[in-house]
PDB file of all heavy atoms in Angstrom:
ATOM      1  N   VAL A   1       0.863  -1.174   0.000  1.00  0.00           N
ATOM      2  CA  VAL A   1       0.000   0.000   0.000  1.00  0.00           C
ATOM      3  C   VAL A   1       0.903   1.229   0.000  1.00  0.00           C
ATOM      4  O   VAL A   1       1.825   1.332   0.816  1.00  0.00           O
ATOM      5  CB  VAL A   1      -0.929   0.028   1.230  1.00  0.00           C
ATOM      6  CG1 VAL A   1      -1.715   1.346   1.278  1.00  0.00           C
ATOM      7  CG2 VAL A   1      -1.878  -1.155   1.205  1.00  0.00           C
ATOM      8  N   GLN A   2       0.652   2.151  -0.920  1.00  0.00           N
ATOM      9  CA  GLN A   2       1.401   3.404  -0.990  1.00  0.00           C
ATOM     10  C   GLN A   2       0.444   4.555  -0.705  1.00  0.00           C
ATOM     11  O   GLN A   2      -0.564   4.703  -1.403  1.00  0.00           O
ATOM     12  CB  GLN A   2       2.042   3.567  -2.372  1.00  0.00           C
ATOM     13  CG  GLN A   2       3.005   2.447  -2.748  1.00  0.00           C
ATOM     14  CD  GLN A   2       3.603   2.623  -4.126  1.00  0.00           C
ATOM     15  OE1 GLN A   2       3.345   3.599  -4.823  1.00  0.00           O
ATOM     16  NE2 GLN A   2       4.425   1.662  -4.537  1.00  0.00           N
ATOM     17  N   TRP A   3       0.767   5.343   0.326  1.00  0.00           N
ATOM     18  CA  TRP A   3      -0.099   6.455   0.727  1.00  0.00           C
ATOM     19  C   TRP A   3       0.690   7.752   0.605  1.00  0.00           C
ATOM     20  O   TRP A   3       1.720   7.932   1.255  1.00  0.00           O
ATOM     21  CB  TRP A   3      -0.586   6.266   2.154  1.00  0.00           C
ATOM     22  CG  TRP A   3      -1.507   7.363   2.613  1.00  0.00           C
ATOM     23  CD1 TRP A   3      -1.187   8.433   3.408  1.00  0.00           C
ATOM     24  CD2 TRP A   3      -2.889   7.514   2.297  1.00  0.00           C
ATOM     25  NE1 TRP A   3      -2.280   9.230   3.608  1.00  0.00           N
ATOM     26  CE2 TRP A   3      -3.350   8.699   2.937  1.00  0.00           C
ATOM     27  CE3 TRP A   3      -3.796   6.769   1.538  1.00  0.00           C
ATOM     28  CZ2 TRP A   3      -4.663   9.140   2.836  1.00  0.00           C
ATOM     29  CZ3 TRP A   3      -5.107   7.208   1.439  1.00  0.00           C
ATOM     30  CH2 TRP A   3      -5.530   8.383   2.083  1.00  0.00           C
ATOM     31  N   ARG A   4       0.221   8.649  -0.256  1.00  0.00           N
ATOM     32  CA  ARG A   4       0.926   9.910  -0.493  1.00  0.00           C
ATOM     33  C   ARG A   4       0.677  10.865   0.659  1.00  0.00           C
ATOM     34  O   ARG A   4      -0.444  11.336   0.862  1.00  0.00           O
ATOM     35  CB  ARG A   4       0.494  10.523  -1.822  1.00  0.00           C
ATOM     36  CG  ARG A   4       1.273  11.773  -2.194  1.00  0.00           C
ATOM     37  CD  ARG A   4       1.103  12.110  -3.651  1.00  0.00           C
ATOM     38  NE  ARG A   4       1.694  11.106  -4.522  1.00  0.00           N
ATOM     39  CZ  ARG A   4       2.994  11.041  -4.819  1.00  0.00           C
ATOM     40  NH1 ARG A   4       3.855  11.923  -4.287  1.00  0.00           N
ATOM     41  NH2 ARG A   4       3.439  10.102  -5.623  1.00  0.00           N
ATOM     42  N   LEU A   5       1.732  11.172   1.413  1.00  0.00           N
ATOM     43  CA  LEU A   5       1.638  12.075   2.553  1.00  0.00           C
ATOM     44  C   LEU A   5       1.683  13.540   2.119  1.00  0.00           C
ATOM     45  O   LEU A   5       1.091  14.403   2.772  1.00  0.00           O
ATOM     46  CB  LEU A   5       2.781  11.797   3.526  1.00  0.00           C
ATOM     47  CG  LEU A   5       2.883  10.357   4.054  1.00  0.00           C
ATOM     48  CD1 LEU A   5       4.157  10.201   4.870  1.00  0.00           C
ATOM     49  CD2 LEU A   5       1.669   9.983   4.878  1.00  0.00           C
ATOM     50  N   SER A   6       2.411  13.808   1.036  1.00  0.00           N
ATOM     51  CA  SER A   6       2.564  15.160   0.498  1.00  0.00           C
ATOM     52  C   SER A   6       2.986  15.008  -0.956  1.00  0.00           C
ATOM     53  O   SER A   6       3.238  13.888  -1.420  1.00  0.00           O
ATOM     54  CB  SER A   6       3.615  15.943   1.294  1.00  0.00           C
ATOM     55  OG  SER A   6       4.916  15.498   0.964  1.00  0.00           O
ATOM     56  N   PRO A   7       3.095  16.112  -1.709  1.00  0.00           N
ATOM     57  CA  PRO A   7       3.540  15.971  -3.107  1.00  0.00           C
ATOM     58  C   PRO A   7       4.896  15.304  -3.258  1.00  0.00           C
ATOM     59  O   PRO A   7       5.199  14.769  -4.330  1.00  0.00           O
ATOM     60  CB  PRO A   7       3.571  17.424  -3.602  1.00  0.00           C
ATOM     61  CG  PRO A   7       2.565  18.131  -2.761  1.00  0.00           C
ATOM     62  CD  PRO A   7       2.672  17.487  -1.403  1.00  0.00           C
ATOM     63  N   HIS A   8       5.716  15.294  -2.195  1.00  0.00           N
ATOM     64  CA  HIS A   8       7.069  14.763  -2.315  1.00  0.00           C
ATOM     65  C   HIS A   8       7.393  13.690  -1.273  1.00  0.00           C
ATOM     66  O   HIS A   8       8.564  13.413  -1.020  1.00  0.00           O
ATOM     67  CB  HIS A   8       8.087  15.896  -2.208  1.00  0.00           C
ATOM     68  CG  HIS A   8       7.877  16.988  -3.203  1.00  0.00           C
ATOM     69  ND1 HIS A   8       7.943  16.787  -4.562  1.00  0.00           N
ATOM     70  CD2 HIS A   8       7.565  18.305  -3.028  1.00  0.00           C
ATOM     71  CE1 HIS A   8       7.696  17.926  -5.193  1.00  0.00           C
ATOM     72  NE2 HIS A   8       7.460  18.852  -4.285  1.00  0.00           N
ATOM     73  N   ALA A   9       6.381  13.046  -0.684  1.00  0.00           N
ATOM     74  CA  ALA A   9       6.618  11.997   0.308  1.00  0.00           C
ATOM     75  C   ALA A   9       5.512  10.953   0.219  1.00  0.00           C
ATOM     76  O   ALA A   9       4.329  11.287   0.198  1.00  0.00           O
ATOM     77  CB  ALA A   9       6.681  12.574   1.723  1.00  0.00           C
ATOM     78  N   VAL A  10       5.914   9.663   0.178  1.00  0.00           N
ATOM     79  CA  VAL A  10       4.971   8.555   0.069  1.00  0.00           C
ATOM     80  C   VAL A  10       5.309   7.515   1.136  1.00  0.00           C
ATOM     81  O   VAL A  10       6.456   7.043   1.224  1.00  0.00           O
ATOM     82  CB  VAL A  10       5.030   7.899  -1.321  1.00  0.00           C
ATOM     83  CG1 VAL A  10       4.097   6.687  -1.385  1.00  0.00           C
ATOM     84  CG2 VAL A  10       4.667   8.900  -2.405  1.00  0.00           C
ATOM     85  N   LEU A  11       4.322   7.163   1.947  1.00  0.00           N
ATOM     86  CA  LEU A  11       4.471   6.077   2.917  1.00  0.00           C
ATOM     87  C   LEU A  11       4.241   4.758   2.204  1.00  0.00           C
ATOM     88  O   LEU A  11       3.232   4.578   1.517  1.00  0.00           O
ATOM     89  CB  LEU A  11       3.467   6.246   4.053  1.00  0.00           C
ATOM     90  CG  LEU A  11       3.395   5.094   5.075  1.00  0.00           C
ATOM     91  CD1 LEU A  11       4.696   4.995   5.862  1.00  0.00           C
ATOM     92  CD2 LEU A  11       2.204   5.281   5.998  1.00  0.00           C
ATOM     93  N   ARG A  12       5.178   3.817   2.372  1.00  0.00           N
ATOM     94  CA  ARG A  12       5.062   2.510   1.718  1.00  0.00           C
ATOM     95  C   ARG A  12       4.999   1.423   2.795  1.00  0.00           C
ATOM     96  O   ARG A  12       5.886   1.319   3.642  1.00  0.00           O
ATOM     97  CB  ARG A  12       6.245   2.260   0.783  1.00  0.00           C
ATOM     98  CG  ARG A  12       6.394   3.321  -0.287  1.00  0.00           C
ATOM     99  CD  ARG A  12       7.626   3.095  -1.139  1.00  0.00           C
ATOM    100  NE  ARG A  12       7.464   1.937  -2.002  1.00  0.00           N
ATOM    101  CZ  ARG A  12       8.424   1.035  -2.254  1.00  0.00           C
ATOM    102  NH1 ARG A  12       9.596   1.151  -1.653  1.00  0.00           N
ATOM    103  NH2 ARG A  12       8.216   0.047  -3.070  1.00  0.00           N
ATOM    104  N   LEU A  13       3.937   0.604   2.761  1.00  0.00           N
ATOM    105  CA  LEU A  13       3.740  -0.520   3.662  1.00  0.00           C
ATOM    106  C   LEU A  13       3.718  -1.784   2.819  1.00  0.00           C
ATOM    107  O   LEU A  13       2.798  -1.994   2.020  1.00  0.00           O
ATOM    108  CB  LEU A  13       2.440  -0.368   4.453  1.00  0.00           C
ATOM    109  CG  LEU A  13       2.303   0.912   5.279  1.00  0.00           C
ATOM    110  CD1 LEU A  13       0.902   1.002   5.868  1.00  0.00           C
ATOM    111  CD2 LEU A  13       3.360   0.954   6.373  1.00  0.00           C
ATOM    112  N   ASN A  14       4.719  -2.630   3.013  1.00  0.00           N
ATOM    113  CA  ASN A  14       4.951  -3.765   2.119  1.00  0.00           C
ATOM    114  C   ASN A  14       4.986  -5.066   2.917  1.00  0.00           C
ATOM    115  O   ASN A  14       5.493  -5.103   4.037  1.00  0.00           O
ATOM    116  CB  ASN A  14       6.270  -3.539   1.370  1.00  0.00           C
ATOM    117  CG  ASN A  14       6.616  -4.636   0.403  1.00  0.00           C
ATOM    118  OD1 ASN A  14       6.826  -5.778   0.772  1.00  0.00           O
ATOM    119  ND2 ASN A  14       6.708  -4.263  -0.862  1.00  0.00           N
ATOM    120  N   ASN A  15       4.460  -6.143   2.324  1.00  0.00           N
ATOM    121  CA  ASN A  15       4.551  -7.472   2.920  1.00  0.00           C
ATOM    122  C   ASN A  15       4.936  -8.484   1.855  1.00  0.00           C
ATOM    123  O   ASN A  15       4.375  -8.467   0.745  1.00  0.00           O
ATOM    124  CB  ASN A  15       3.219  -7.894   3.540  1.00  0.00           C
ATOM    125  CG  ASN A  15       3.180  -7.644   5.033  1.00  0.00           C
ATOM    126  OD1 ASN A  15       4.031  -8.150   5.767  1.00  0.00           O
ATOM    127  ND2 ASN A  15       2.223  -6.859   5.484  1.00  0.00           N
ATOM    128  N   GLY A  16       5.877  -9.363   2.178  1.00  0.00           N
ATOM    129  CA  GLY A  16       6.227 -10.488   1.319  1.00  0.00           C
ATOM    130  C   GLY A  16       5.844 -11.775   2.002  1.00  0.00           C
ATOM    131  O   GLY A  16       6.196 -12.005   3.169  1.00  0.00           O
ATOM    132  N   TRP A  17       5.101 -12.631   1.298  1.00  0.00           N
ATOM    133  CA  TRP A  17       4.613 -13.894   1.857  1.00  0.00           C
ATOM    134  C   TRP A  17       5.207 -15.045   1.052  1.00  0.00           C
ATOM    135  O   TRP A  17       5.017 -15.120  -0.166  1.00  0.00           O
ATOM    136  CB  TRP A  17       3.091 -13.963   1.810  1.00  0.00           C
ATOM    137  CG  TRP A  17       2.415 -12.748   2.360  1.00  0.00           C
ATOM    138  CD1 TRP A  17       1.996 -11.647   1.673  1.00  0.00           C
ATOM    139  CD2 TRP A  17       2.092 -12.495   3.729  1.00  0.00           C
ATOM    140  NE1 TRP A  17       1.437 -10.722   2.509  1.00  0.00           N
ATOM    141  CE2 TRP A  17       1.478 -11.214   3.790  1.00  0.00           C
ATOM    142  CE3 TRP A  17       2.251 -13.220   4.917  1.00  0.00           C
ATOM    143  CZ2 TRP A  17       1.029 -10.656   4.977  1.00  0.00           C
ATOM    144  CZ3 TRP A  17       1.807 -12.660   6.092  1.00  0.00           C
ATOM    145  CH2 TRP A  17       1.210 -11.404   6.127  1.00  0.00           C
ATOM    146  N   GLY A  18       5.911 -15.960   1.710  1.00  0.00           N
ATOM    147  CA  GLY A  18       6.514 -17.099   1.027  1.00  0.00           C
ATOM    148  C   GLY A  18       5.470 -18.072   0.518  1.00  0.00           C
ATOM    149  O   GLY A  18       4.569 -18.474   1.262  1.00  0.00           O
ATOM    150  N   LEU A  19       5.601 -18.488  -0.738  1.00  0.00           N
ATOM    151  CA  LEU A  19       4.677 -19.441  -1.348  1.00  0.00           C
ATOM    152  C   LEU A  19       5.303 -20.806  -1.552  1.00  0.00           C
ATOM    153  O   LEU A  19       4.615 -21.754  -1.934  1.00  0.00           O
ATOM    154  CB  LEU A  19       4.192 -18.903  -2.704  1.00  0.00           C
ATOM    155  CG  LEU A  19       3.471 -17.558  -2.682  1.00  0.00           C
ATOM    156  CD1 LEU A  19       3.106 -17.143  -4.104  1.00  0.00           C
ATOM    157  CD2 LEU A  19       2.218 -17.627  -1.812  1.00  0.00           C
ATOM    158  N   THR A  20       6.596 -20.920  -1.323  1.00  0.00           N
ATOM    159  CA  THR A  20       7.311 -22.184  -1.482  1.00  0.00           C
ATOM    160  C   THR A  20       8.146 -22.438  -0.225  1.00  0.00           C
ATOM    161  O   THR A  20       8.371 -21.536   0.578  1.00  0.00           O
ATOM    162  CB  THR A  20       8.243 -22.131  -2.712  1.00  0.00           C
ATOM    163  OG1 THR A  20       9.220 -21.096  -2.517  1.00  0.00           O
ATOM    164  CG2 THR A  20       7.453 -21.853  -3.977  1.00  0.00           C
ATOM    165  N   PRO A  21       8.624 -23.694  -0.030  1.00  0.00           N
ATOM    166  CA  PRO A  21       9.439 -23.986   1.166  1.00  0.00           C
ATOM    167  C   PRO A  21      10.741 -23.199   1.215  1.00  0.00           C
ATOM    168  O   PRO A  21      11.303 -22.989   2.289  1.00  0.00           O
ATOM    169  CB  PRO A  21       9.710 -25.493   1.047  1.00  0.00           C
ATOM    170  CG  PRO A  21       8.623 -26.016   0.175  1.00  0.00           C
ATOM    171  CD  PRO A  21       8.328 -24.922  -0.800  1.00  0.00           C
ATOM    172  N   HIS A  22      11.240 -22.778   0.066  1.00  0.00           N
ATOM    173  CA  HIS A  22      12.497 -22.037   0.035  1.00  0.00           C
ATOM    174  C   HIS A  22      12.226 -20.540   0.109  1.00  0.00           C
ATOM    175  O   HIS A  22      11.259 -20.035  -0.451  1.00  0.00           O
ATOM    176  CB  HIS A  22      13.270 -22.362  -1.248  1.00  0.00           C
ATOM    177  CG  HIS A  22      13.603 -23.801  -1.400  1.00  0.00           C
ATOM    178  ND1 HIS A  22      14.677 -24.398  -0.771  1.00  0.00           N
ATOM    179  CD2 HIS A  22      12.996 -24.795  -2.095  1.00  0.00           C
ATOM    180  CE1 HIS A  22      14.722 -25.672  -1.071  1.00  0.00           C
ATOM    181  NE2 HIS A  22      13.707 -25.941  -1.885  1.00  0.00           N
ATOM    182  N   GLY A  23      13.121 -19.823   0.797  1.00  0.00           N
ATOM    183  CA  GLY A  23      12.986 -18.382   0.913  1.00  0.00           C
ATOM    184  C   GLY A  23      12.239 -17.978   2.162  1.00  0.00           C
ATOM    185  O   GLY A  23      11.617 -18.798   2.848  1.00  0.00           O
ATOM    186  N   PRO A  24      12.283 -16.684   2.513  1.00  0.00           N
ATOM    187  CA  PRO A  24      11.600 -16.192   3.722  1.00  0.00           C
ATOM    188  C   PRO A  24      10.103 -16.453   3.669  1.00  0.00           C
ATOM    189  O   PRO A  24       9.469 -16.300   2.631  1.00  0.00           O
ATOM    190  CB  PRO A  24      11.901 -14.680   3.701  1.00  0.00           C
ATOM    191  CG  PRO A  24      13.115 -14.540   2.857  1.00  0.00           C
ATOM    192  CD  PRO A  24      13.029 -15.612   1.823  1.00  0.00           C
ATOM    193  N   GLU A  25       9.532 -16.861   4.816  1.00  0.00           N
ATOM    194  CA  GLU A  25       8.091 -17.094   4.886  1.00  0.00           C
ATOM    195  C   GLU A  25       7.326 -15.807   5.118  1.00  0.00           C
ATOM    196  O   GLU A  25       6.139 -15.704   4.787  1.00  0.00           O
ATOM    197  CB  GLU A  25       7.771 -18.091   5.995  1.00  0.00           C
ATOM    198  CG  GLU A  25       8.190 -17.598   7.370  1.00  0.00           C
ATOM    199  CD  GLU A  25       8.088 -18.682   8.420  1.00  0.00           C
ATOM    200  OE1 GLU A  25       8.799 -19.692   8.298  1.00  0.00           O
ATOM    201  OE2 GLU A  25       7.273 -18.502   9.347  1.00  0.00           O
ATOM    202  N   TRP A  26       8.000 -14.783   5.693  1.00  0.00           N
ATOM    203  CA  TRP A  26       7.353 -13.500   5.944  1.00  0.00           C
ATOM    204  C   TRP A  26       8.405 -12.415   5.919  1.00  0.00           C
ATOM    205  O   TRP A  26       9.471 -12.546   6.528  1.00  0.00           O
ATOM    206  CB  TRP A  26       6.632 -13.516   7.299  1.00  0.00           C
ATOM    207  CG  TRP A  26       5.831 -12.282   7.567  1.00  0.00           C
ATOM    208  CD1 TRP A  26       5.006 -11.620   6.688  1.00  0.00           C
ATOM    209  CD2 TRP A  26       5.781 -11.543   8.791  1.00  0.00           C
ATOM    210  NE1 TRP A  26       4.431 -10.522   7.301  1.00  0.00           N
ATOM    211  CE2 TRP A  26       4.882 -10.453   8.593  1.00  0.00           C
ATOM    212  CE3 TRP A  26       6.375 -11.705  10.034  1.00  0.00           C
ATOM    213  CZ2 TRP A  26       4.600  -9.522   9.582  1.00  0.00           C
ATOM    214  CZ3 TRP A  26       6.093 -10.782  11.036  1.00  0.00           C
ATOM    215  CH2 TRP A  26       5.208  -9.710  10.805  1.00  0.00           C
ATOM    216  N   ALA A  27       8.131 -11.324   5.182  1.00  0.00           N
ATOM    217  CA  ALA A  27       9.106 -10.238   5.050  1.00  0.00           C
ATOM    218  C   ALA A  27       8.374  -8.905   4.945  1.00  0.00           C
ATOM    219  O   ALA A  27       8.132  -8.401   3.843  1.00  0.00           O
ATOM    220  CB  ALA A  27       9.992 -10.462   3.833  1.00  0.00           C
ATOM    221  N   PRO A  28       8.000  -8.297   6.088  1.00  0.00           N
ATOM    222  CA  PRO A  28       7.358  -6.980   6.053  1.00  0.00           C
ATOM    223  C   PRO A  28       8.383  -5.858   5.893  1.00  0.00           C
ATOM    224  O   PRO A  28       9.559  -5.998   6.248  1.00  0.00           O
ATOM    225  CB  PRO A  28       6.663  -6.895   7.405  1.00  0.00           C
ATOM    226  CG  PRO A  28       7.518  -7.740   8.301  1.00  0.00           C
ATOM    227  CD  PRO A  28       8.060  -8.845   7.441  1.00  0.00           C
ATOM    228  N   GLU A  29       7.910  -4.721   5.377  1.00  0.00           N
ATOM    229  CA  GLU A  29       8.772  -3.559   5.152  1.00  0.00           C
ATOM    230  C   GLU A  29       7.957  -2.289   5.334  1.00  0.00           C
ATOM    231  O   GLU A  29       6.783  -2.227   4.949  1.00  0.00           O
ATOM    232  CB  GLU A  29       9.345  -3.599   3.735  1.00  0.00           C
ATOM    233  CG  GLU A  29      10.125  -2.364   3.314  1.00  0.00           C
ATOM    234  CD  GLU A  29      10.503  -2.401   1.847  1.00  0.00           C
ATOM    235  OE1 GLU A  29      10.655  -3.507   1.293  1.00  0.00           O
ATOM    236  OE2 GLU A  29      10.622  -1.312   1.237  1.00  0.00           O
ATOM    237  N   VAL A  30       8.564  -1.272   5.917  1.00  0.00           N
ATOM    238  CA  VAL A  30       7.912   0.030   6.046  1.00  0.00           C
ATOM    239  C   VAL A  30       8.957   1.112   5.773  1.00  0.00           C
ATOM    240  O   VAL A  30      10.123   0.985   6.175  1.00  0.00           O
ATOM    241  CB  VAL A  30       7.283   0.208   7.450  1.00  0.00           C
ATOM    242  CG1 VAL A  30       8.332   0.088   8.547  1.00  0.00           C
ATOM    243  CG2 VAL A  30       6.553   1.538   7.544  1.00  0.00           C
ATOM    244  N   GLY A  31       8.547   2.154   5.076  1.00  0.00           N
ATOM    245  CA  GLY A  31       9.470   3.238   4.784  1.00  0.00           C
ATOM    246  C   GLY A  31       8.740   4.421   4.172  1.00  0.00           C
ATOM    247  O   GLY A  31       7.558   4.340   3.833  1.00  0.00           O
ATOM    248  N   VAL A  32       9.452   5.517   4.048  1.00  0.00           N
ATOM    249  CA  VAL A  32       8.903   6.728   3.433  1.00  0.00           C
ATOM    250  C   VAL A  32       9.804   7.104   2.260  1.00  0.00           C
ATOM    251  O   VAL A  32      11.014   7.282   2.431  1.00  0.00           O
ATOM    252  CB  VAL A  32       8.802   7.888   4.431  1.00  0.00           C
ATOM    253  CG1 VAL A  32       8.291   9.143   3.725  1.00  0.00           C
ATOM    254  CG2 VAL A  32       7.891   7.526   5.593  1.00  0.00           C
ATOM    255  N   LEU A  33       9.189   7.212   1.084  1.00  0.00           N
ATOM    256  CA  LEU A  33       9.910   7.579  -0.130  1.00  0.00           C
ATOM    257  C   LEU A  33       9.811   9.092  -0.346  1.00  0.00           C
ATOM    258  O   LEU A  33       8.717   9.642  -0.427  1.00  0.00           O
ATOM    259  CB  LEU A  33       9.311   6.840  -1.326  1.00  0.00           C
ATOM    260  CG  LEU A  33       9.890   7.163  -2.694  1.00  0.00           C
ATOM    261  CD1 LEU A  33      11.290   6.570  -2.832  1.00  0.00           C
ATOM    262  CD2 LEU A  33       8.982   6.647  -3.800  1.00  0.00           C
ATOM    263  N   PHE A  34      10.979   9.730  -0.439  1.00  0.00           N
ATOM    264  CA  PHE A  34      11.028  11.172  -0.665  1.00  0.00           C
ATOM    265  C   PHE A  34      11.492  11.433  -2.097  1.00  0.00           C
ATOM    266  O   PHE A  34      12.428  10.784  -2.588  1.00  0.00           O
ATOM    267  CB  PHE A  34      11.999  11.846   0.300  1.00  0.00           C
ATOM    268  CG  PHE A  34      11.627  11.682   1.747  1.00  0.00           C
ATOM    269  CD1 PHE A  34      12.160  10.665   2.517  1.00  0.00           C
ATOM    270  CD2 PHE A  34      10.716  12.560   2.346  1.00  0.00           C
ATOM    271  CE1 PHE A  34      11.830  10.507   3.853  1.00  0.00           C
ATOM    272  CE2 PHE A  34      10.375  12.409   3.672  1.00  0.00           C
ATOM    273  CZ  PHE A  34      10.925  11.384   4.429  1.00  0.00           C
ATOM    274  N   SER A  35      10.843  12.361  -2.777  1.00  0.00           N
ATOM    275  CA  SER A  35      11.235  12.727  -4.139  1.00  0.00           C
ATOM    276  C   SER A  35      11.638  14.204  -4.181  1.00  0.00           C
ATOM    277  O   SER A  35      10.995  15.052  -3.570  1.00  0.00           O
ATOM    278  CB  SER A  35      10.102  12.465  -5.113  1.00  0.00           C
ATOM    279  OG  SER A  35       8.979  13.283  -4.844  1.00  0.00           O
ATOM    280  N   PHE A  36      12.720  14.471  -4.912  1.00  0.00           N
ATOM    281  CA  PHE A  36      13.219  15.824  -5.076  1.00  0.00           C
ATOM    282  C   PHE A  36      13.301  16.092  -6.570  1.00  0.00           C
ATOM    283  O   PHE A  36      14.315  15.792  -7.218  1.00  0.00           O
ATOM    284  CB  PHE A  36      14.585  15.981  -4.416  1.00  0.00           C
ATOM    285  CG  PHE A  36      14.584  15.669  -2.946  1.00  0.00           C
ATOM    286  CD1 PHE A  36      14.842  14.379  -2.489  1.00  0.00           C
ATOM    287  CD2 PHE A  36      14.296  16.666  -2.014  1.00  0.00           C
ATOM    288  CE1 PHE A  36      14.829  14.087  -1.130  1.00  0.00           C
ATOM    289  CE2 PHE A  36      14.280  16.383  -0.655  1.00  0.00           C
ATOM    290  CZ  PHE A  36      14.549  15.091  -0.211  1.00  0.00           C
TER     291      PHE A  36
END
């Protein structure tokens, strides 16, 4: 989910869910993207 906080800032809420036995089973991420 990407939520625009301002014209130059976006909050990003990310989740990765493993679908196979190999690789991470859960990988959440949160951050704010700034554009100049």
